[in-house]
Amino acid sequence: MKSTVHEPPRETAVYDRCDVLVVGGGPAGVTAAVAAKNSGAERVVLMERCAYLGGMATGGQVLLIPFLSDPILNGGREQLVAGLMNEWVDRLRACPNGAFGPQKWEIGSKDPEVLAKYRSHGLFIRKERVMYGVNCDPEMLKAVLNDMTEAAGVVVYCNCLGCQAVVEDVKATGVIFESKEGRKAVMAQVIVDCTGDGDIFATAGAGYESASLTTSRTANTSLVFRLGGVSYERYTKGLRETPSAREKLREAVRIAGYDMQIISSNRDDVVWIDSLIPRDCMTITGLTDTAFITTRTINPLIRYLRENFPGLEGAYLYDFASQVGTRGSRRLKGVERFTMDDIGKHTGREDIIAVLPTLSGLQAYPRMEMPYGVLVPEKLDGLLVAGRCFSSSEEANQEANWIPHCIALGQAAGTAAAMAVKERIQPREVEPKSLRGILLEQGVYL
């Protein structure tokens, strides 16, 4: 029996040509595409494999966008992840039940009444100060991101799986994709890989590191699901007041067969269940196992939660996420490499293009400064990256690949891509100081 199948050579039709092609419509990709268009690129194409935009924030149902400020410096009153992040939040807040979370005037507040309002929503409070962030409605966010890209003038192609880079003389010049219309190509002056897994730069021959599957968070997958018919406030009140509640949660984990956490959403009567399932998200069996492990125990888990936790007595399955949650895979080998030694340090460097909060918020300088070089391949031209596949050590990546971090890197990459097109230079030749100036004009915190 043959172990391979011969595929004859073929010519692939060019479907479109553009200034900037962004592959992957998740948080980094949407933001990169809008930033590129806002920064002067005439034709920007956003290619997405699903029928919706938002990636993990919508289809993955990671409903929490936290860590938009830090709790220490300047009284914790500064919003760090700003720029296009503000447009995400403002558009969501304008929708009925679109988002829940602290208002801007509450950033850094130590007012007991304000703290009490967000006490049960853990990641909104650090060191007894309010940190900025929101819980989102993932379905409304899909509509918001569609509106956002259309308003910017971005050309969006959904249900198109980018699967192979076109490379000429060590320069990425396009991407081949599969679709209902068959195998096609989009050619571009600059490509931004926002696939999360680095699918494009890997096929282009750029160097990268792979996940070791040993980290506490990014070595795990998940299939998020939501429960309706609950009261999150009553549930968290029971956790605080019932001595046996924590033991019962451990039993729920045993029944589920994976580590799990019940998290608040944009409304009191819906919660989402996040999980840590140790599987390799770069394999067919890993992604399949995660889905089936979760669905296999869903009914006994819900039954147990209904019987043992106040606030969950009427819980029912609201929905499953449309896609498996992934946290760690390929990471670019870039001009710069972000490591744990870079966390919590003020460098004063002039090539910093994003200043992001740390997860714990406990460092003397609770911020992470990202240099432009983490988005630029060591050798490959014509391409930038944004999102969780940026150049970094595995441990540092775990600290800096959350949704707001990806949004910030997306804005920097999209803006740099537009600069490269307008100046007719390679992305690696973009002057970081000039890039910083444009990002500051866009409201980015630096």
Protein backbone atom coordinates (compact mmCIF):
# COMPACT_ATOMS: atom_id res chain seq x y z
CA MET A 1 0.00 0.00 0.00
CA LYS A 2 1.40 3.43 -0.98
CA SER A 3 2.31 5.83 1.83
CA THR A 4 2.20 8.91 -0.37
CA VAL A 5 0.02 10.32 -3.14
CA HIS A 6 1.50 12.07 -6.15
CA GLU A 7 0.09 15.52 -6.87
CA PRO A 8 0.91 16.86 -10.33
CA PRO A 9 2.28 20.43 -10.65
CA ARG A 10 -0.33 23.07 -11.31
CA GLU A 11 -0.70 26.78 -11.89
CA THR A 12 -2.57 28.69 -9.17
CA ALA A 13 -4.72 31.65 -10.21
CA VAL A 14 -4.08 35.01 -8.54
CA TYR A 15 -7.37 36.02 -6.94
CA ASP A 16 -6.33 39.49 -5.75
CA ARG A 17 -3.40 41.87 -5.31
CA CYS A 18 -3.02 44.29 -2.43
CA ASP A 19 -0.66 46.51 -0.50
CA VAL A 20 -1.03 44.68 2.82
CA LEU A 21 -2.36 41.15 3.30
CA VAL A 22 -3.23 40.13 6.85
CA VAL A 23 -3.75 36.39 7.31
CA GLY A 24 -5.86 35.45 10.34
CA GLY A 25 -8.84 37.50 11.51
CA GLY A 26 -8.38 37.11 15.27
CA PRO A 27 -7.70 39.98 17.69
CA ALA A 28 -4.25 40.69 16.22
CA GLY A 29 -5.39 40.29 12.63
CA VAL A 30 -8.47 42.50 12.75
CA THR A 31 -6.48 45.21 14.50
CA ALA A 32 -3.52 44.90 12.11
CA ALA A 33 -5.79 45.22 9.07
CA VAL A 34 -7.64 48.26 10.40
CA ALA A 35 -4.36 49.86 11.50
CA ALA A 36 -2.80 49.31 8.07
CA LYS A 37 -5.77 50.91 6.35
CA ASN A 38 -5.89 53.80 8.83
CA SER A 39 -2.17 54.34 8.29
CA GLY A 40 -2.48 54.90 4.56
CA ALA A 41 -2.25 51.51 2.84
CA GLU A 42 -4.60 51.77 -0.14
CA ARG A 43 -5.74 48.16 -0.45
CA VAL A 44 -5.73 45.95 2.64
CA VAL A 45 -7.01 42.36 2.52
CA LEU A 46 -7.89 40.39 5.65
CA MET A 47 -8.03 36.63 5.07
CA GLU A 48 -9.88 34.48 7.63
CA ARG A 49 -10.46 30.71 7.68
CA CYS A 50 -13.82 30.94 9.52
CA ALA A 51 -17.10 32.64 8.64
CA TYR A 52 -16.57 35.30 11.31
CA LEU A 53 -13.86 37.55 12.68
CA GLY A 54 -12.47 37.60 16.22
CA GLY A 55 -10.74 34.24 16.56
CA MET A 56 -10.37 33.25 20.20
CA ALA A 57 -12.35 36.32 21.35
CA THR A 58 -15.46 35.24 19.42
CA GLY A 59 -15.33 31.71 18.02
CA GLY A 60 -13.12 30.57 20.90
CA GLN A 61 -15.46 32.28 23.40
CA VAL A 62 -12.64 33.72 25.50
CA LEU A 63 -15.00 36.40 26.72
CA LEU A 64 -12.59 38.26 28.98
CA ILE A 65 -10.34 41.08 27.75
CA PRO A 66 -8.40 41.98 30.91
CA PHE A 67 -5.12 43.69 31.81
CA LEU A 68 -5.65 46.99 30.01
CA SER A 69 -4.02 48.91 32.87
CA ASP A 70 -1.65 48.22 35.75
CA PRO A 71 -2.52 48.70 39.45
CA ILE A 72 0.64 50.41 40.65
CA LEU A 73 2.28 53.18 38.62
CA ASN A 74 0.64 56.63 38.73
CA GLY A 75 -2.02 55.35 41.08
CA GLY A 76 -3.06 52.68 38.63
CA ARG A 77 -5.01 55.29 36.66
CA GLU A 78 -3.37 54.82 33.26
CA GLN A 79 -4.86 52.73 30.47
CA LEU A 80 -1.95 50.97 28.79
CA VAL A 81 -3.58 49.01 25.98
CA ALA A 82 -5.35 51.82 24.16
CA GLY A 83 -5.38 52.90 20.50
CA LEU A 84 -7.69 50.60 18.52
CA MET A 85 -8.47 48.70 21.72
CA ASN A 86 -10.66 51.69 22.58
CA GLU A 87 -12.64 51.23 19.37
CA TRP A 88 -13.24 47.57 20.24
CA VAL A 89 -14.56 48.49 23.69
CA ASP A 90 -16.50 51.61 22.68
CA ARG A 91 -18.32 49.80 19.88
CA LEU A 92 -19.17 46.91 22.22
CA ARG A 93 -20.41 49.20 24.99
CA ALA A 94 -22.74 50.86 22.49
CA CYS A 95 -24.52 47.50 21.96
CA PRO A 96 -27.19 46.12 24.35
CA ASN A 97 -25.38 43.79 26.78
CA GLY A 98 -22.31 44.05 24.57
CA ALA A 99 -19.84 44.31 27.42
CA PHE A 100 -19.52 44.41 31.20
CA GLY A 101 -16.60 45.83 33.12
CA PRO A 102 -15.11 48.94 34.71
CA GLN A 103 -15.65 52.30 33.06
CA LYS A 104 -12.64 54.48 32.25
CA TRP A 105 -13.35 56.77 35.17
CA GLU A 106 -13.07 53.74 37.48
CA ILE A 107 -9.52 52.79 36.42
CA GLY A 108 -7.30 52.68 39.50
CA SER A 109 -10.20 53.27 41.90
CA LYS A 110 -9.88 52.16 45.53
CA ASP A 111 -13.43 53.20 46.37
CA PRO A 112 -15.00 50.35 48.40
CA GLU A 113 -18.28 50.60 46.46
CA VAL A 114 -16.49 50.37 43.12
CA LEU A 115 -14.33 47.47 44.31
CA ALA A 116 -17.43 45.66 45.58
CA LYS A 117 -19.01 45.95 42.13
CA TYR A 118 -16.15 43.99 40.53
CA ARG A 119 -14.95 41.87 43.46
CA SER A 120 -16.29 38.59 42.11
CA HIS A 121 -14.84 39.28 38.64
CA GLY A 122 -11.29 38.42 39.65
CA LEU A 123 -9.12 39.92 36.91
CA PHE A 124 -10.63 43.39 37.27
CA ILE A 125 -8.92 43.92 40.64
CA ARG A 126 -5.23 43.84 41.58
CA LYS A 127 -3.69 45.19 44.80
CA GLU A 128 -7.12 46.54 45.81
CA ARG A 129 -7.33 48.76 42.73
CA VAL A 130 -9.61 48.45 39.72
CA MET A 131 -7.89 47.39 36.52
CA TYR A 132 -9.48 48.25 33.20
CA GLY A 133 -11.01 45.44 31.13
CA VAL A 134 -14.27 44.03 29.78
CA ASN A 135 -16.28 40.84 29.55
CA CYS A 136 -17.69 40.58 26.02
CA ASP A 137 -20.67 39.09 24.27
CA PRO A 138 -18.85 36.99 21.63
CA GLU A 139 -21.74 37.04 19.15
CA MET A 140 -22.13 40.80 19.36
CA LEU A 141 -18.37 41.13 19.01
CA LYS A 142 -18.57 39.33 15.66
CA ALA A 143 -20.93 42.02 14.41
CA VAL A 144 -18.79 44.78 15.93
CA LEU A 145 -15.62 43.56 14.20
CA ASN A 146 -17.42 43.24 10.87
CA ASP A 147 -18.58 46.84 11.26
CA MET A 148 -15.11 47.95 12.29
CA THR A 149 -13.34 46.46 9.26
CA GLU A 150 -16.02 47.69 6.85
CA ALA A 151 -15.84 51.21 8.27
CA ALA A 152 -12.07 51.22 7.78
CA GLY A 153 -12.36 50.00 4.18
CA VAL A 154 -10.64 46.65 4.71
CA VAL A 155 -11.42 43.93 2.14
CA VAL A 156 -12.37 40.78 4.08
CA TYR A 157 -12.28 37.25 2.66
CA CYS A 158 -13.88 34.70 5.01
CA ASN A 159 -13.84 30.91 4.67
CA CYS A 160 -10.39 31.17 3.10
CA LEU A 161 -7.65 29.04 4.67
CA GLY A 162 -4.20 30.49 4.09
CA CYS A 163 -2.00 27.44 3.63
CA GLN A 164 1.20 28.30 1.75
CA ALA A 165 3.40 31.36 1.42
CA VAL A 166 4.65 32.42 -2.00
CA VAL A 167 8.35 33.23 -1.67
CA GLU A 168 10.67 34.85 -4.22
CA ASP A 169 14.33 35.51 -3.38
CA VAL A 170 13.89 35.23 0.41
CA LYS A 171 10.89 37.55 0.28
CA ALA A 172 7.27 36.58 0.95
CA THR A 173 5.20 37.97 -1.91
CA GLY A 174 1.84 36.27 -1.48
CA VAL A 175 -0.24 33.56 0.14
CA ILE A 176 -1.99 30.59 -1.46
CA PHE A 177 -5.33 29.72 0.10
CA GLU A 178 -8.04 27.07 -0.19
CA SER A 179 -11.67 28.06 -0.57
CA LYS A 180 -15.02 27.06 -2.05
CA GLU A 181 -13.71 28.56 -5.30
CA GLY A 182 -10.69 26.28 -5.15
CA ARG A 183 -7.01 26.99 -4.64
CA LYS A 184 -6.13 30.65 -5.26
CA ALA A 185 -3.47 33.20 -4.33
CA VAL A 186 -3.40 36.77 -3.03
CA MET A 187 -0.24 38.72 -3.80
CA ALA A 188 0.89 41.53 -1.51
CA GLN A 189 3.69 43.99 -0.93
CA VAL A 190 3.69 43.17 2.78
CA ILE A 191 2.13 40.19 4.58
CA VAL A 192 1.24 40.15 8.28
CA ASP A 193 1.01 36.65 9.74
CA CYS A 194 -1.68 36.73 12.42
CA THR A 195 -2.57 33.03 12.27
CA GLY A 196 -1.51 32.47 15.88
CA ASP A 197 0.36 29.32 14.90
CA GLY A 198 2.69 31.06 12.45
CA ASP A 199 1.29 29.04 9.57
CA ILE A 200 2.46 31.52 6.93
CA PHE A 201 5.97 32.30 8.14
CA ALA A 202 6.60 28.59 8.69
CA THR A 203 5.75 27.73 5.07
CA ALA A 204 7.83 30.71 3.94
CA GLY A 205 10.92 29.22 5.52
CA ALA A 206 11.33 31.65 8.41
CA GLY A 207 13.01 30.27 11.50
CA TYR A 208 10.84 29.47 14.49
CA GLU A 209 10.69 27.72 17.85
CA SER A 210 8.04 25.16 18.72
CA ALA A 211 6.16 24.69 21.98
CA SER A 212 7.70 22.19 24.38
CA LEU A 213 4.26 21.55 25.94
CA THR A 214 5.69 22.05 29.44
CA THR A 215 4.29 25.47 30.39
CA SER A 216 1.39 25.75 32.82
CA ARG A 217 -1.01 27.56 30.49
CA THR A 218 0.18 27.58 26.89
CA ALA A 219 0.79 23.82 26.83
CA ASN A 220 -2.95 23.33 27.15
CA THR A 221 -5.94 23.52 24.83
CA SER A 222 -9.61 24.06 25.65
CA LEU A 223 -13.09 23.90 24.24
CA VAL A 224 -14.98 26.65 26.00
CA PHE A 225 -18.69 26.29 26.60
CA ARG A 226 -21.29 28.54 28.17
CA LEU A 227 -23.99 27.76 30.71
CA GLY A 228 -27.25 29.71 30.81
CA GLY A 229 -29.94 29.85 33.49
CA VAL A 230 -27.47 30.73 36.26
CA SER A 231 -26.77 33.55 38.70
CA TYR A 232 -23.05 34.28 38.79
CA GLU A 233 -23.40 36.55 41.81
CA ARG A 234 -25.18 33.85 43.83
CA TYR A 235 -22.59 31.31 42.69
CA THR A 236 -19.62 33.39 43.84
CA LYS A 237 -21.42 34.30 47.08
CA GLY A 238 -21.77 30.56 47.76
CA LEU A 239 -18.07 30.01 47.08
CA ARG A 240 -17.18 32.63 49.66
CA GLU A 241 -19.63 31.48 52.33
CA THR A 242 -19.68 27.67 51.96
CA PRO A 243 -16.65 25.89 53.51
CA SER A 244 -17.13 22.79 51.36
CA ALA A 245 -17.43 24.69 48.05
CA ARG A 246 -13.76 24.36 47.09
CA GLU A 247 -13.83 20.61 47.69
CA LYS A 248 -16.93 20.37 45.52
CA LEU A 249 -15.14 22.26 42.75
CA ARG A 250 -12.34 19.68 42.88
CA GLU A 251 -14.96 16.97 42.43
CA ALA A 252 -16.36 18.86 39.43
CA VAL A 253 -12.88 18.82 37.89
CA ARG A 254 -12.70 15.06 38.46
CA ILE A 255 -16.05 14.54 36.75
CA ALA A 256 -15.08 16.76 33.82
CA GLY A 257 -11.73 15.02 33.37
CA TYR A 258 -9.79 18.28 32.98
CA ASP A 259 -8.91 21.39 34.96
CA MET A 260 -11.69 23.93 34.59
CA GLN A 261 -12.82 27.30 35.85
CA ILE A 262 -16.24 28.97 35.93
CA ILE A 263 -15.88 32.60 34.80
CA SER A 264 -18.24 35.56 34.60
CA SER A 265 -19.51 36.87 31.28
CA ASN A 266 -21.14 40.08 30.11
CA ARG A 267 -24.34 39.17 32.02
CA ASP A 268 -25.19 37.58 35.36
CA ASP A 269 -27.28 34.72 33.95
CA VAL A 270 -24.56 33.31 31.64
CA VAL A 271 -21.13 31.96 32.61
CA TRP A 272 -18.36 30.41 30.56
CA ILE A 273 -16.24 27.39 31.42
CA ASP A 274 -12.56 27.62 30.56
CA SER A 275 -10.33 24.57 30.70
CA LEU A 276 -6.75 23.34 30.59
CA ILE A 277 -6.52 20.18 28.50
CA PRO A 278 -2.92 19.08 27.83
CA ARG A 279 -2.94 18.41 24.09
CA ASP A 280 -0.79 19.52 21.16
CA CYS A 281 -2.78 22.05 19.14
CA MET A 282 -0.56 21.41 16.13
CA THR A 283 -1.85 17.88 15.62
CA ILE A 284 -5.10 16.52 14.22
CA THR A 285 -5.54 14.14 17.15
CA GLY A 286 -4.78 16.83 19.73
CA LEU A 287 -7.49 19.17 18.45
CA THR A 288 -9.97 16.31 18.05
CA ASP A 289 -9.29 14.91 21.52
CA THR A 290 -9.94 18.28 23.14
CA ALA A 291 -13.34 18.56 21.50
CA PHE A 292 -14.43 15.04 22.39
CA ILE A 293 -13.07 15.09 25.94
CA THR A 294 -15.18 18.16 26.62
CA THR A 295 -18.42 16.92 25.06
CA ARG A 296 -18.07 13.42 26.55
CA THR A 297 -18.55 14.60 30.14
CA ILE A 298 -20.76 17.65 29.59
CA ASN A 299 -24.01 16.10 30.87
CA PRO A 300 -22.70 14.57 34.12
CA LEU A 301 -20.77 17.78 34.79
CA ILE A 302 -23.82 20.02 34.38
CA ARG A 303 -25.89 17.65 36.50
CA TYR A 304 -23.30 17.81 39.30
CA LEU A 305 -23.06 21.61 39.14
CA ARG A 306 -26.85 21.95 39.33
CA GLU A 307 -27.03 19.72 42.39
CA ASN A 308 -24.17 21.24 44.37
CA PHE A 309 -23.84 24.99 43.78
CA PRO A 310 -26.27 27.81 44.63
CA GLY A 311 -26.82 29.92 41.56
CA LEU A 312 -26.30 26.98 39.21
CA GLU A 313 -29.49 25.06 40.06
CA GLY A 314 -31.06 25.90 36.70
CA ALA A 315 -27.88 25.69 34.62
CA TYR A 316 -28.16 24.36 31.08
CA LEU A 317 -25.79 24.12 28.12
CA TYR A 318 -25.99 27.44 26.30
CA ASP A 319 -23.46 26.63 23.56
CA PHE A 320 -20.01 25.31 22.72
CA ALA A 321 -17.30 27.50 21.23
CA SER A 322 -17.03 27.25 17.46
CA GLN A 323 -13.32 26.48 17.61
CA VAL A 324 -10.89 24.78 19.96
CA GLY A 325 -8.95 27.16 22.15
CA THR A 326 -5.21 27.16 21.49
CA ARG A 327 -2.54 28.94 23.49
CA GLY A 328 0.96 27.97 22.35
CA SER A 329 2.65 26.55 19.25
CA ARG A 330 5.17 28.13 16.84
CA ARG A 331 7.04 31.30 17.80
CA LEU A 332 8.98 33.32 15.27
CA LYS A 333 12.77 33.59 15.44
CA GLY A 334 12.91 37.34 15.13
CA VAL A 335 15.41 40.16 15.08
CA GLU A 336 14.68 40.48 18.82
CA ARG A 337 13.53 37.79 21.29
CA PHE A 338 11.34 38.68 24.25
CA THR A 339 12.27 36.74 27.42
CA MET A 340 11.40 36.62 31.10
CA ASP A 341 14.34 38.95 31.75
CA ASP A 342 12.48 41.67 29.82
CA ILE A 343 9.39 41.61 32.07
CA GLY A 344 9.03 44.36 34.65
CA LYS A 345 11.91 46.44 33.33
CA HIS A 346 11.88 50.04 32.10
CA THR A 347 14.48 50.18 29.32
CA GLY A 348 14.12 53.64 27.81
CA ARG A 349 14.74 52.11 24.37
CA GLU A 350 13.52 54.03 21.32
CA ASP A 351 12.33 50.93 19.46
CA ILE A 352 9.53 50.02 21.90
CA ILE A 353 6.23 49.76 20.03
CA ALA A 354 3.96 48.42 22.80
CA VAL A 355 3.89 48.79 26.59
CA LEU A 356 1.75 46.08 28.12
CA PRO A 357 0.63 45.23 31.66
CA THR A 358 2.06 42.18 33.39
CA LEU A 359 -0.32 39.44 34.49
CA SER A 360 0.33 39.63 38.22
CA GLY A 361 0.70 43.40 38.40
CA LEU A 362 2.99 42.88 41.40
CA GLN A 363 6.33 43.98 39.95
CA ALA A 364 7.82 47.33 40.88
CA TYR A 365 7.45 48.19 37.18
CA PRO A 366 4.40 46.05 36.28
CA ARG A 367 4.81 46.44 32.55
CA MET A 368 6.29 44.69 29.52
CA GLU A 369 8.03 46.72 26.83
CA MET A 370 7.95 45.14 23.36
CA PRO A 371 10.61 46.13 20.82
CA TYR A 372 9.76 46.26 17.13
CA GLY A 373 12.20 43.43 16.40
CA VAL A 374 9.91 40.78 17.97
CA LEU A 375 7.61 41.22 14.95
CA VAL A 376 10.35 40.97 12.30
CA PRO A 377 11.82 37.67 11.01
CA GLU A 378 15.56 37.18 11.28
CA LYS A 379 16.03 36.88 7.51
CA LEU A 380 12.75 36.66 5.58
CA ASP A 381 11.58 39.90 3.96
CA GLY A 382 8.08 41.04 3.02
CA LEU A 383 6.51 39.78 6.24
CA LEU A 384 5.69 40.74 9.82
CA VAL A 385 3.96 38.79 12.59
CA ALA A 386 1.50 39.79 15.30
CA GLY A 387 -0.38 37.86 17.93
CA ARG A 388 0.90 35.01 20.07
CA CYS A 389 3.48 33.78 17.52
CA PHE A 390 5.76 36.80 18.09
CA SER A 391 9.47 36.17 18.77
CA SER A 392 9.78 35.11 22.41
CA SER A 393 10.80 32.42 24.83
CA GLU A 394 8.06 29.99 25.74
CA GLU A 395 7.77 31.21 29.32
CA ALA A 396 7.65 34.89 28.33
CA ASN A 397 5.14 34.16 25.58
CA GLN A 398 2.81 32.70 28.19
CA GLU A 399 2.86 36.05 29.98
CA ALA A 400 2.27 38.18 26.90
CA ASN A 401 -0.06 36.37 24.49
CA TRP A 402 -3.44 37.33 25.93
CA ILE A 403 -6.07 39.06 23.76
CA PRO A 404 -5.15 42.67 24.69
CA HIS A 405 -1.46 41.96 24.12
CA CYS A 406 -2.28 40.55 20.68
CA ILE A 407 -4.38 43.62 19.85
CA ALA A 408 -1.51 45.95 20.77
CA LEU A 409 1.00 44.02 18.66
CA GLY A 410 -1.51 43.90 15.81
CA GLN A 411 -1.79 47.69 15.75
CA ALA A 412 1.99 48.04 15.67
CA ALA A 413 2.42 45.45 12.90
CA GLY A 414 -0.35 46.86 10.71
CA THR A 415 0.97 50.39 11.04
CA ALA A 416 4.51 49.24 10.24
CA ALA A 417 3.27 47.32 7.20
CA ALA A 418 1.60 50.46 5.83
CA MET A 419 4.78 52.46 6.45
CA ALA A 420 6.85 49.89 4.54
CA VAL A 421 4.47 50.06 1.57
CA LYS A 422 4.38 53.85 1.45
CA GLU A 423 8.16 54.19 1.83
CA ARG A 424 8.84 51.31 -0.58
CA ILE A 425 11.10 49.57 1.92
CA GLN A 426 11.17 46.20 3.63
CA PRO A 427 9.44 45.87 7.03
CA ARG A 428 12.82 45.38 8.72
CA GLU A 429 13.86 48.80 7.40
CA VAL A 430 10.99 50.65 9.07
CA GLU A 431 12.40 53.19 11.49
CA PRO A 432 11.03 52.31 14.96
CA LYS A 433 11.21 55.91 16.13
CA SER A 434 9.00 57.02 13.24
CA LEU A 435 6.67 54.09 13.89
CA ARG A 436 6.40 55.15 17.52
CA GLY A 437 5.43 58.66 16.46
CA ILE A 438 2.55 57.38 14.32
CA LEU A 439 1.37 54.99 17.05
CA LEU A 440 1.32 57.85 19.55
CA GLU A 441 -0.84 59.85 17.14
CA GLN A 442 -3.19 56.84 17.04
CA GLY A 443 -3.61 56.98 20.83
CA VAL A 444 -1.28 54.06 21.61
CA TYR A 445 0.33 54.19 25.06
CA LEU A 446 4.12 54.16 24.87
